[in-house]
Amino acid sequence: SPRDRSLVTLAALIARNQTIELAFYLGRALD
């Protein structure tokens, strides 16, 4: 689901400390 893809993506970005796209994907997760 889009929600699950969002959680997977957030986990990857946080795990790798890649914050440049994090705000975009946090907003996408909420959406």
PDB file of all heavy atoms in Angstrom:
ATOM      1  N   SER A   1       0.844  -1.190   0.000  1.00  0.00           N
ATOM      2  CA  SER A   1       0.000   0.000   0.000  1.00  0.00           C
ATOM      3  C   SER A   1       0.880   1.241   0.000  1.00  0.00           C
ATOM      4  O   SER A   1       2.040   1.201   0.450  1.00  0.00           O
ATOM      5  CB  SER A   1      -0.903   0.005   1.237  1.00  0.00           C
ATOM      6  OG  SER A   1      -0.125   0.250   2.404  1.00  0.00           O
ATOM      7  N   PRO A   2       0.372   2.392  -0.489  1.00  0.00           N
ATOM      8  CA  PRO A   2       1.149   3.626  -0.419  1.00  0.00           C
ATOM      9  C   PRO A   2       1.604   3.958   1.003  1.00  0.00           C
ATOM     10  O   PRO A   2       2.718   4.449   1.207  1.00  0.00           O
ATOM     11  CB  PRO A   2       0.178   4.680  -0.972  1.00  0.00           C
ATOM     12  CG  PRO A   2      -0.702   3.908  -1.909  1.00  0.00           C
ATOM     13  CD  PRO A   2      -0.888   2.574  -1.247  1.00  0.00           C
ATOM     14  N   ARG A   3       0.738   3.677   1.990  1.00  0.00           N
ATOM     15  CA  ARG A   3       1.119   3.922   3.381  1.00  0.00           C
ATOM     16  C   ARG A   3       2.335   3.081   3.768  1.00  0.00           C
ATOM     17  O   ARG A   3       3.293   3.568   4.389  1.00  0.00           O
ATOM     18  CB  ARG A   3      -0.053   3.599   4.302  1.00  0.00           C
ATOM     19  CG  ARG A   3       0.278   3.631   5.793  1.00  0.00           C
ATOM     20  CD  ARG A   3      -0.849   3.018   6.606  1.00  0.00           C
ATOM     21  NE  ARG A   3      -0.501   2.898   8.001  1.00  0.00           N
ATOM     22  CZ  ARG A   3       0.201   1.880   8.507  1.00  0.00           C
ATOM     23  NH1 ARG A   3       0.623   0.922   7.699  1.00  0.00           N
ATOM     24  NH2 ARG A   3       0.467   1.842   9.803  1.00  0.00           N
ATOM     25  N   ASP A   4       2.301   1.794   3.415  1.00  0.00           N
ATOM     26  CA  ASP A   4       3.414   0.918   3.762  1.00  0.00           C
ATOM     27  C   ASP A   4       4.684   1.325   3.026  1.00  0.00           C
ATOM     28  O   ASP A   4       5.784   1.272   3.591  1.00  0.00           O
ATOM     29  CB  ASP A   4       3.065  -0.536   3.445  1.00  0.00           C
ATOM     30  CG  ASP A   4       2.061  -1.120   4.422  1.00  0.00           C
ATOM     31  OD1 ASP A   4       1.763  -0.473   5.448  1.00  0.00           O
ATOM     32  OD2 ASP A   4       1.557  -2.232   4.161  1.00  0.00           O
ATOM     33  N   ARG A   5       4.550   1.713   1.758  1.00  0.00           N
ATOM     34  CA  ARG A   5       5.723   2.191   1.026  1.00  0.00           C
ATOM     35  C   ARG A   5       6.321   3.409   1.723  1.00  0.00           C
ATOM     36  O   ARG A   5       7.546   3.568   1.781  1.00  0.00           O
ATOM     37  CB  ARG A   5       5.357   2.544  -0.415  1.00  0.00           C
ATOM     38  CG  ARG A   5       5.094   1.339  -1.291  1.00  0.00           C
ATOM     39  CD  ARG A   5       4.936   1.683  -2.760  1.00  0.00           C
ATOM     40  NE  ARG A   5       4.507   0.501  -3.485  1.00  0.00           N
ATOM     41  CZ  ARG A   5       5.323  -0.461  -3.904  1.00  0.00           C
ATOM     42  NH1 ARG A   5       6.615  -0.345  -3.703  1.00  0.00           N
ATOM     43  NH2 ARG A   5       4.845  -1.517  -4.540  1.00  0.00           N
ATOM     44  N   SER A   6       5.462   4.245   2.263  1.00  0.00           N
ATOM     45  CA  SER A   6       5.943   5.422   2.983  1.00  0.00           C
ATOM     46  C   SER A   6       6.726   5.025   4.225  1.00  0.00           C
ATOM     47  O   SER A   6       7.792   5.583   4.507  1.00  0.00           O
ATOM     48  CB  SER A   6       4.770   6.321   3.371  1.00  0.00           C
ATOM     49  OG  SER A   6       4.233   6.977   2.235  1.00  0.00           O
ATOM     50  N   LEU A   7       6.212   4.070   4.989  1.00  0.00           N
ATOM     51  CA  LEU A   7       6.920   3.635   6.196  1.00  0.00           C
ATOM     52  C   LEU A   7       8.254   2.989   5.845  1.00  0.00           C
ATOM     53  O   LEU A   7       9.273   3.223   6.513  1.00  0.00           O
ATOM     54  CB  LEU A   7       6.047   2.668   6.992  1.00  0.00           C
ATOM     55  CG  LEU A   7       4.797   3.255   7.642  1.00  0.00           C
ATOM     56  CD1 LEU A   7       4.024   2.169   8.389  1.00  0.00           C
ATOM     57  CD2 LEU A   7       5.141   4.401   8.600  1.00  0.00           C
ATOM     58  N   VAL A   8       8.274   2.170   4.801  1.00  0.00           N
ATOM     59  CA  VAL A   8       9.517   1.556   4.349  1.00  0.00           C
ATOM     60  C   VAL A   8      10.530   2.620   3.950  1.00  0.00           C
ATOM     61  O   VAL A   8      11.711   2.562   4.324  1.00  0.00           O
ATOM     62  CB  VAL A   8       9.239   0.602   3.167  1.00  0.00           C
ATOM     63  CG1 VAL A   8      10.541   0.163   2.498  1.00  0.00           C
ATOM     64  CG2 VAL A   8       8.459  -0.616   3.641  1.00  0.00           C
ATOM     65  N   THR A   9      10.074   3.617   3.215  1.00  0.00           N
ATOM     66  CA  THR A   9      10.966   4.672   2.735  1.00  0.00           C
ATOM     67  C   THR A   9      11.473   5.529   3.887  1.00  0.00           C
ATOM     68  O   THR A   9      12.667   5.866   3.949  1.00  0.00           O
ATOM     69  CB  THR A   9      10.237   5.536   1.693  1.00  0.00           C
ATOM     70  OG1 THR A   9       9.772   4.693   0.630  1.00  0.00           O
ATOM     71  CG2 THR A   9      11.151   6.604   1.122  1.00  0.00           C
ATOM     72  N   LEU A  10      10.591   5.891   4.816  1.00  0.00           N
ATOM     73  CA  LEU A  10      11.030   6.649   5.992  1.00  0.00           C
ATOM     74  C   LEU A  10      12.087   5.872   6.769  1.00  0.00           C
ATOM     75  O   LEU A  10      13.088   6.447   7.225  1.00  0.00           O
ATOM     76  CB  LEU A  10       9.843   6.961   6.901  1.00  0.00           C
ATOM     77  CG  LEU A  10       8.831   7.988   6.415  1.00  0.00           C
ATOM     78  CD1 LEU A  10       7.757   8.203   7.478  1.00  0.00           C
ATOM     79  CD2 LEU A  10       9.500   9.313   6.072  1.00  0.00           C
ATOM     80  N   ALA A  11      11.863   4.570   6.940  1.00  0.00           N
ATOM     81  CA  ALA A  11      12.834   3.761   7.671  1.00  0.00           C
ATOM     82  C   ALA A  11      14.197   3.787   6.990  1.00  0.00           C
ATOM     83  O   ALA A  11      15.235   3.899   7.649  1.00  0.00           O
ATOM     84  CB  ALA A  11      12.333   2.326   7.797  1.00  0.00           C
ATOM     85  N   ALA A  12      14.201   3.696   5.661  1.00  0.00           N
ATOM     86  CA  ALA A  12      15.467   3.716   4.930  1.00  0.00           C
ATOM     87  C   ALA A  12      16.170   5.062   5.070  1.00  0.00           C
ATOM     88  O   ALA A  12      17.383   5.127   5.317  1.00  0.00           O
ATOM     89  CB  ALA A  12      15.227   3.400   3.461  1.00  0.00           C
ATOM     90  N   LEU A  13      15.427   6.147   4.935  1.00  0.00           N
ATOM     91  CA  LEU A  13      16.037   7.470   5.023  1.00  0.00           C
ATOM     92  C   LEU A  13      16.577   7.744   6.421  1.00  0.00           C
ATOM     93  O   LEU A  13      17.679   8.291   6.580  1.00  0.00           O
ATOM     94  CB  LEU A  13      15.014   8.546   4.635  1.00  0.00           C
ATOM     95  CG  LEU A  13      14.517   8.516   3.186  1.00  0.00           C
ATOM     96  CD1 LEU A  13      13.467   9.597   2.978  1.00  0.00           C
ATOM     97  CD2 LEU A  13      15.667   8.692   2.199  1.00  0.00           C
ATOM     98  N   ILE A  14      15.806   7.376   7.444  1.00  0.00           N
ATOM     99  CA  ILE A  14      16.265   7.599   8.819  1.00  0.00           C
ATOM    100  C   ILE A  14      17.455   6.704   9.132  1.00  0.00           C
ATOM    101  O   ILE A  14      18.446   7.146   9.728  1.00  0.00           O
ATOM    102  CB  ILE A  14      15.115   7.354   9.812  1.00  0.00           C
ATOM    103  CG1 ILE A  14      14.023   8.410   9.623  1.00  0.00           C
ATOM    104  CG2 ILE A  14      15.627   7.380  11.255  1.00  0.00           C
ATOM    105  CD1 ILE A  14      12.738   8.140  10.380  1.00  0.00           C
ATOM    106  N   ALA A  15      17.393   5.441   8.718  1.00  0.00           N
ATOM    107  CA  ALA A  15      18.483   4.508   8.983  1.00  0.00           C
ATOM    108  C   ALA A  15      19.792   4.979   8.371  1.00  0.00           C
ATOM    109  O   ALA A  15      20.867   4.786   8.948  1.00  0.00           O
ATOM    110  CB  ALA A  15      18.128   3.123   8.449  1.00  0.00           C
ATOM    111  N   ARG A  16      19.708   5.623   7.212  1.00  0.00           N
ATOM    112  CA  ARG A  16      20.902   6.062   6.508  1.00  0.00           C
ATOM    113  C   ARG A  16      21.224   7.541   6.773  1.00  0.00           C
ATOM    114  O   ARG A  16      22.155   8.088   6.203  1.00  0.00           O
ATOM    115  CB  ARG A  16      20.716   5.801   5.014  1.00  0.00           C
ATOM    116  CG  ARG A  16      20.611   4.313   4.694  1.00  0.00           C
ATOM    117  CD  ARG A  16      19.968   4.047   3.342  1.00  0.00           C
ATOM    118  NE  ARG A  16      20.771   4.553   2.239  1.00  0.00           N
ATOM    119  CZ  ARG A  16      21.785   3.912   1.686  1.00  0.00           C
ATOM    120  NH1 ARG A  16      22.139   2.718   2.154  1.00  0.00           N
ATOM    121  NH2 ARG A  16      22.454   4.428   0.685  1.00  0.00           N
ATOM    122  N   ASN A  17      20.423   8.153   7.655  1.00  0.00           N
ATOM    123  CA  ASN A  17      20.596   9.571   8.018  1.00  0.00           C
ATOM    124  C   ASN A  17      20.627  10.460   6.776  1.00  0.00           C
ATOM    125  O   ASN A  17      21.435  11.385   6.664  1.00  0.00           O
ATOM    126  CB  ASN A  17      21.868   9.773   8.849  1.00  0.00           C
ATOM    127  CG  ASN A  17      21.818  11.057   9.660  1.00  0.00           C
ATOM    128  OD1 ASN A  17      20.765  11.661   9.847  1.00  0.00           O
ATOM    129  ND2 ASN A  17      22.969  11.490  10.148  1.00  0.00           N
ATOM    130  N   GLN A  18      19.715  10.180   5.847  1.00  0.00           N
ATOM    131  CA  GLN A  18      19.626  10.947   4.602  1.00  0.00           C
ATOM    132  C   GLN A  18      18.438  11.906   4.722  1.00  0.00           C
ATOM    133  O   GLN A  18      17.314  11.587   4.324  1.00  0.00           O
ATOM    134  CB  GLN A  18      19.491   9.991   3.417  1.00  0.00           C
ATOM    135  CG  GLN A  18      20.744   9.145   3.241  1.00  0.00           C
ATOM    136  CD  GLN A  18      20.622   8.090   2.162  1.00  0.00           C
ATOM    137  OE1 GLN A  18      19.555   7.531   1.936  1.00  0.00           O
ATOM    138  NE2 GLN A  18      21.728   7.799   1.498  1.00  0.00           N
ATOM    139  N   THR A  19      18.705  13.081   5.270  1.00  0.00           N
ATOM    140  CA  THR A  19      17.624  13.991   5.642  1.00  0.00           C
ATOM    141  C   THR A  19      17.195  14.936   4.530  1.00  0.00           C
ATOM    142  O   THR A  19      16.175  15.603   4.664  1.00  0.00           O
ATOM    143  CB  THR A  19      18.038  14.825   6.868  1.00  0.00           C
ATOM    144  OG1 THR A  19      19.248  15.543   6.569  1.00  0.00           O
ATOM    145  CG2 THR A  19      18.274  13.935   8.087  1.00  0.00           C
ATOM    146  N   ILE A  20      17.922  15.005   3.421  1.00  0.00           N
ATOM    147  CA  ILE A  20      17.603  16.010   2.418  1.00  0.00           C
ATOM    148  C   ILE A  20      16.214  15.798   1.822  1.00  0.00           C
ATOM    149  O   ILE A  20      15.526  16.751   1.458  1.00  0.00           O
ATOM    150  CB  ILE A  20      18.680  16.063   1.307  1.00  0.00           C
ATOM    151  CG1 ILE A  20      18.498  17.322   0.449  1.00  0.00           C
ATOM    152  CG2 ILE A  20      18.646  14.799   0.453  1.00  0.00           C
ATOM    153  CD1 ILE A  20      19.664  17.632  -0.459  1.00  0.00           C
ATOM    154  N   GLU A  21      15.762  14.544   1.727  1.00  0.00           N
ATOM    155  CA  GLU A  21      14.434  14.257   1.192  1.00  0.00           C
ATOM    156  C   GLU A  21      13.428  13.890   2.283  1.00  0.00           C
ATOM    157  O   GLU A  21      12.281  13.574   1.984  1.00  0.00           O
ATOM    158  CB  GLU A  21      14.512  13.114   0.176  1.00  0.00           C
ATOM    159  CG  GLU A  21      15.187  13.499  -1.130  1.00  0.00           C
ATOM    160  CD  GLU A  21      14.940  12.462  -2.209  1.00  0.00           C
ATOM    161  OE1 GLU A  21      15.086  11.262  -1.934  1.00  0.00           O
ATOM    162  OE2 GLU A  21      14.584  12.864  -3.331  1.00  0.00           O
ATOM    163  N   LEU A  22      13.857  13.936   3.527  1.00  0.00           N
ATOM    164  CA  LEU A  22      13.011  13.413   4.601  1.00  0.00           C
ATOM    165  C   LEU A  22      11.721  14.207   4.769  1.00  0.00           C
ATOM    166  O   LEU A  22      10.653  13.622   4.983  1.00  0.00           O
ATOM    167  CB  LEU A  22      13.800  13.376   5.914  1.00  0.00           C
ATOM    168  CG  LEU A  22      13.120  12.680   7.088  1.00  0.00           C
ATOM    169  CD1 LEU A  22      12.688  11.264   6.737  1.00  0.00           C
ATOM    170  CD2 LEU A  22      14.064  12.659   8.302  1.00  0.00           C
ATOM    171  N   ALA A  23      11.787  15.524   4.675  1.00  0.00           N
ATOM    172  CA  ALA A  23      10.566  16.330   4.838  1.00  0.00           C
ATOM    173  C   ALA A  23       9.528  15.965   3.772  1.00  0.00           C
ATOM    174  O   ALA A  23       8.336  15.830   4.073  1.00  0.00           O
ATOM    175  CB  ALA A  23      10.895  17.813   4.772  1.00  0.00           C
ATOM    176  N   PHE A  24       9.979  15.798   2.541  1.00  0.00           N
ATOM    177  CA  PHE A  24       9.064  15.437   1.459  1.00  0.00           C
ATOM    178  C   PHE A  24       8.377  14.107   1.762  1.00  0.00           C
ATOM    179  O   PHE A  24       7.154  13.975   1.632  1.00  0.00           O
ATOM    180  CB  PHE A  24       9.828  15.341   0.134  1.00  0.00           C
ATOM    181  CG  PHE A  24       9.011  14.795  -1.007  1.00  0.00           C
ATOM    182  CD1 PHE A  24       8.120  15.600  -1.690  1.00  0.00           C
ATOM    183  CD2 PHE A  24       9.134  13.459  -1.390  1.00  0.00           C
ATOM    184  CE1 PHE A  24       7.356  15.089  -2.746  1.00  0.00           C
ATOM    185  CE2 PHE A  24       8.385  12.945  -2.435  1.00  0.00           C
ATOM    186  CZ  PHE A  24       7.493  13.759  -3.116  1.00  0.00           C
ATOM    187  N   TYR A  25       9.157  13.108   2.195  1.00  0.00           N
ATOM    188  CA  TYR A  25       8.585  11.788   2.412  1.00  0.00           C
ATOM    189  C   TYR A  25       7.814  11.683   3.728  1.00  0.00           C
ATOM    190  O   TYR A  25       6.913  10.845   3.845  1.00  0.00           O
ATOM    191  CB  TYR A  25       9.664  10.713   2.290  1.00  0.00           C
ATOM    192  CG  TYR A  25      10.029  10.469   0.843  1.00  0.00           C
ATOM    193  CD1 TYR A  25      11.226  10.929   0.301  1.00  0.00           C
ATOM    194  CD2 TYR A  25       9.140   9.812  -0.002  1.00  0.00           C
ATOM    195  CE1 TYR A  25      11.539  10.723  -1.024  1.00  0.00           C
ATOM    196  CE2 TYR A  25       9.440   9.600  -1.335  1.00  0.00           C
ATOM    197  CZ  TYR A  25      10.634  10.056  -1.851  1.00  0.00           C
ATOM    198  OH  TYR A  25      10.931   9.863  -3.180  1.00  0.00           O
ATOM    199  N   LEU A  26       8.130  12.523   4.691  1.00  0.00           N
ATOM    200  CA  LEU A  26       7.284  12.603   5.881  1.00  0.00           C
ATOM    201  C   LEU A  26       5.902  13.121   5.499  1.00  0.00           C
ATOM    202  O   LEU A  26       4.880  12.572   5.927  1.00  0.00           O
ATOM    203  CB  LEU A  26       7.920  13.521   6.925  1.00  0.00           C
ATOM    204  CG  LEU A  26       9.053  12.928   7.756  1.00  0.00           C
ATOM    205  CD1 LEU A  26       9.804  14.033   8.486  1.00  0.00           C
ATOM    206  CD2 LEU A  26       8.528  11.902   8.749  1.00  0.00           C
ATOM    207  N   GLY A  27       5.873  14.168   4.698  1.00  0.00           N
ATOM    208  CA  GLY A  27       4.594  14.695   4.233  1.00  0.00           C
ATOM    209  C   GLY A  27       3.842  13.683   3.394  1.00  0.00           C
ATOM    210  O   GLY A  27       2.614  13.528   3.529  1.00  0.00           O
ATOM    211  N   ARG A  28       4.562  12.955   2.564  1.00  0.00           N
ATOM    212  CA  ARG A  28       3.922  11.929   1.725  1.00  0.00           C
ATOM    213  C   ARG A  28       3.342  10.819   2.599  1.00  0.00           C
ATOM    214  O   ARG A  28       2.245  10.305   2.324  1.00  0.00           O
ATOM    215  CB  ARG A  28       4.951  11.373   0.742  1.00  0.00           C
ATOM    216  CG  ARG A  28       4.361  10.500  -0.366  1.00  0.00           C
ATOM    217  CD  ARG A  28       5.461  10.045  -1.318  1.00  0.00           C
ATOM    218  NE  ARG A  28       4.926   9.227  -2.391  1.00  0.00           N
ATOM    219  CZ  ARG A  28       4.560   9.678  -3.586  1.00  0.00           C
ATOM    220  NH1 ARG A  28       4.668  10.975  -3.846  1.00  0.00           N
ATOM    221  NH2 ARG A  28       4.087   8.865  -4.515  1.00  0.00           N
ATOM    222  N   ALA A  29       4.050  10.443   3.653  1.00  0.00           N
ATOM    223  CA  ALA A  29       3.546   9.403   4.558  1.00  0.00           C
ATOM    224  C   ALA A  29       2.236   9.846   5.199  1.00  0.00           C
ATOM    225  O   ALA A  29       1.274   9.065   5.284  1.00  0.00           O
ATOM    226  CB  ALA A  29       4.586   9.091   5.631  1.00  0.00           C
ATOM    227  N   LEU A  30       2.177  11.081   5.654  1.00  0.00           N
ATOM    228  CA  LEU A  30       0.951  11.592   6.265  1.00  0.00           C
ATOM    229  C   LEU A  30      -0.175  11.648   5.232  1.00  0.00           C
ATOM    230  O   LEU A  30      -1.323  11.307   5.534  1.00  0.00           O
ATOM    231  CB  LEU A  30       1.205  12.967   6.875  1.00  0.00           C
ATOM    232  CG  LEU A  30       2.160  12.975   8.082  1.00  0.00           C
ATOM    233  CD1 LEU A  30       2.622  14.394   8.393  1.00  0.00           C
ATOM    234  CD2 LEU A  30       1.503  12.341   9.305  1.00  0.00           C
ATOM    235  N   ASP A  31       0.152  12.052   4.020  1.00  0.00           N
ATOM    236  CA  ASP A  31      -0.862  12.092   2.955  1.00  0.00           C
ATOM    237  C   ASP A  31      -1.348  10.694   2.591  1.00  0.00           C
ATOM    238  O   ASP A  31      -2.495  10.514   2.168  1.00  0.00           O
ATOM    239  CB  ASP A  31      -0.295  12.776   1.704  1.00  0.00           C
ATOM    240  CG  ASP A  31      -0.059  14.268   1.909  1.00  0.00           C
ATOM    241  OD1 ASP A  31      -0.657  14.854   2.831  1.00  0.00           O
ATOM    242  OD2 ASP A  31       0.740  14.843   1.141  1.00  0.00           O
TER     243      ASP A  31
END
